[in-house]
Amino acid sequence: MNIQQSTLVFKLGVDNNFSDLNITSEVKHFIADLRGVDFDLINTIKDKFITFDESINKKNSSFLIVCNFSFDDDLKIVPTLQEAYDFIEMEEIERQLNL
């Protein structure tokens, strides 16, 4: 399966709600695009991301955050959308090899 087809990318909108959440049965991986969101706002929702990450990992799926800065050592945070897709591909390969 194509990683991009099985991945939902969502952004935090200007009203501080997540937009583009069109979840279908094909969605297995999630990317939160937080580029341009300030640190204070991210810090207020960080715990929700940690909880979401834990639930996604239990389902052998991936959750990544695209952000210009790192704000938590336990979350997978990358600077670009392409790096997020590459990271998901590597995790899928590791799962297939049972690493």
Protein backbone atom coordinates (compact mmCIF):
# COMPACT_ATOMS: atom_id res chain seq x y z
CA MET A 1 0.00 0.00 0.00
CA ASN A 2 1.21 3.48 -0.83
CA ILE A 3 2.25 5.32 2.35
CA GLN A 4 0.77 8.61 1.19
CA GLN A 5 -2.59 6.98 0.45
CA SER A 6 -2.74 5.43 3.92
CA THR A 7 -1.65 8.59 5.75
CA LEU A 8 -3.83 11.40 7.03
CA VAL A 9 -2.13 14.79 7.27
CA PHE A 10 -3.96 17.32 9.42
CA LYS A 11 -3.24 20.93 10.36
CA LEU A 12 -4.23 23.12 13.25
CA GLY A 13 -6.47 25.80 11.76
CA VAL A 14 -6.71 29.49 12.61
CA ASP A 15 -9.59 28.71 14.98
CA ASN A 16 -7.32 26.27 16.89
CA ASN A 17 -9.32 23.28 15.68
CA PHE A 18 -7.88 20.47 13.61
CA SER A 19 -8.90 20.65 10.00
CA ASP A 20 -8.79 18.14 7.15
CA LEU A 21 -9.78 15.18 9.34
CA ASN A 22 -11.28 12.95 6.68
CA ILE A 23 -10.64 9.58 8.31
CA THR A 24 -11.44 6.58 6.16
CA SER A 25 -10.82 2.87 6.67
CA GLU A 26 -7.65 3.15 4.55
CA VAL A 27 -6.02 5.57 7.00
CA LYS A 28 -3.32 3.87 9.06
CA HIS A 29 -0.83 6.66 9.74
CA PHE A 30 -1.22 10.22 10.98
CA ILE A 31 0.85 13.37 10.54
CA ALA A 32 0.10 16.55 12.47
CA ASP A 33 1.43 19.51 10.50
CA LEU A 34 2.21 22.14 13.12
CA ARG A 35 4.44 24.38 11.03
CA GLY A 36 3.65 27.96 11.89
CA VAL A 37 1.96 27.16 15.21
CA ASP A 38 3.53 28.92 18.17
CA PHE A 39 5.17 27.14 21.09
CA ASP A 40 2.62 28.25 23.70
CA LEU A 41 -0.28 26.71 21.80
CA ILE A 42 1.62 23.50 21.11
CA ASN A 43 2.56 23.26 24.77
CA THR A 44 -1.11 23.40 25.79
CA ILE A 45 -2.04 20.44 23.54
CA LYS A 46 1.17 18.39 23.89
CA ASP A 47 -0.39 15.91 26.34
CA LYS A 48 -3.16 15.12 23.85
CA PHE A 49 -0.52 14.32 21.23
CA ILE A 50 1.27 12.00 23.66
CA THR A 51 -1.97 10.14 24.41
CA PHE A 52 -2.82 9.94 20.71
CA ASP A 53 0.69 8.65 19.90
CA GLU A 54 0.38 5.89 22.50
CA SER A 55 -2.96 4.72 21.09
CA ILE A 56 -1.68 4.78 17.50
CA ASN A 57 1.45 2.80 18.39
CA LYS A 58 -0.69 0.05 19.93
CA LYS A 59 -2.33 -0.39 16.52
CA ASN A 60 1.04 -0.79 14.73
CA SER A 61 0.53 2.55 13.05
CA SER A 62 2.55 5.74 13.02
CA PHE A 63 2.02 9.25 14.30
CA LEU A 64 4.46 12.02 13.46
CA ILE A 65 4.52 15.74 13.96
CA VAL A 66 5.93 18.20 11.45
CA CYS A 67 7.20 21.22 13.33
CA ASN A 68 9.97 23.80 13.07
CA PHE A 69 11.13 23.03 16.63
CA SER A 70 11.22 20.08 19.00
CA PHE A 71 8.99 20.27 22.07
CA ASP A 72 8.95 16.73 23.47
CA ASP A 73 11.55 13.95 23.46
CA ASP A 74 8.97 11.15 23.37
CA LEU A 75 7.13 12.33 20.25
CA LYS A 76 8.45 11.83 16.73
CA ILE A 77 8.97 15.36 15.42
CA VAL A 78 10.49 16.11 12.01
CA PRO A 79 10.97 19.43 10.17
CA THR A 80 9.36 18.55 6.81
CA LEU A 81 6.41 16.61 5.46
CA GLN A 82 8.71 14.55 3.21
CA GLU A 83 10.76 13.47 6.23
CA ALA A 84 7.54 12.40 7.96
CA TYR A 85 6.60 10.18 5.00
CA ASP A 86 10.14 8.75 4.91
CA PHE A 87 9.99 8.03 8.65
CA ILE A 88 6.68 6.21 8.25
CA GLU A 89 8.13 4.12 5.41
CA MET A 90 11.07 3.12 7.61
CA GLU A 91 8.72 2.16 10.46
CA GLU A 92 6.65 0.04 8.07
CA ILE A 93 9.77 -1.77 6.88
CA GLU A 94 10.80 -2.41 10.49
CA ARG A 95 7.32 -3.79 11.27
CA GLN A 96 7.49 -6.12 8.26
CA LEU A 97 10.91 -7.36 9.39
CA ASN A 98 9.69 -7.64 13.01
CA LEU A 99 12.48 -5.39 14.30
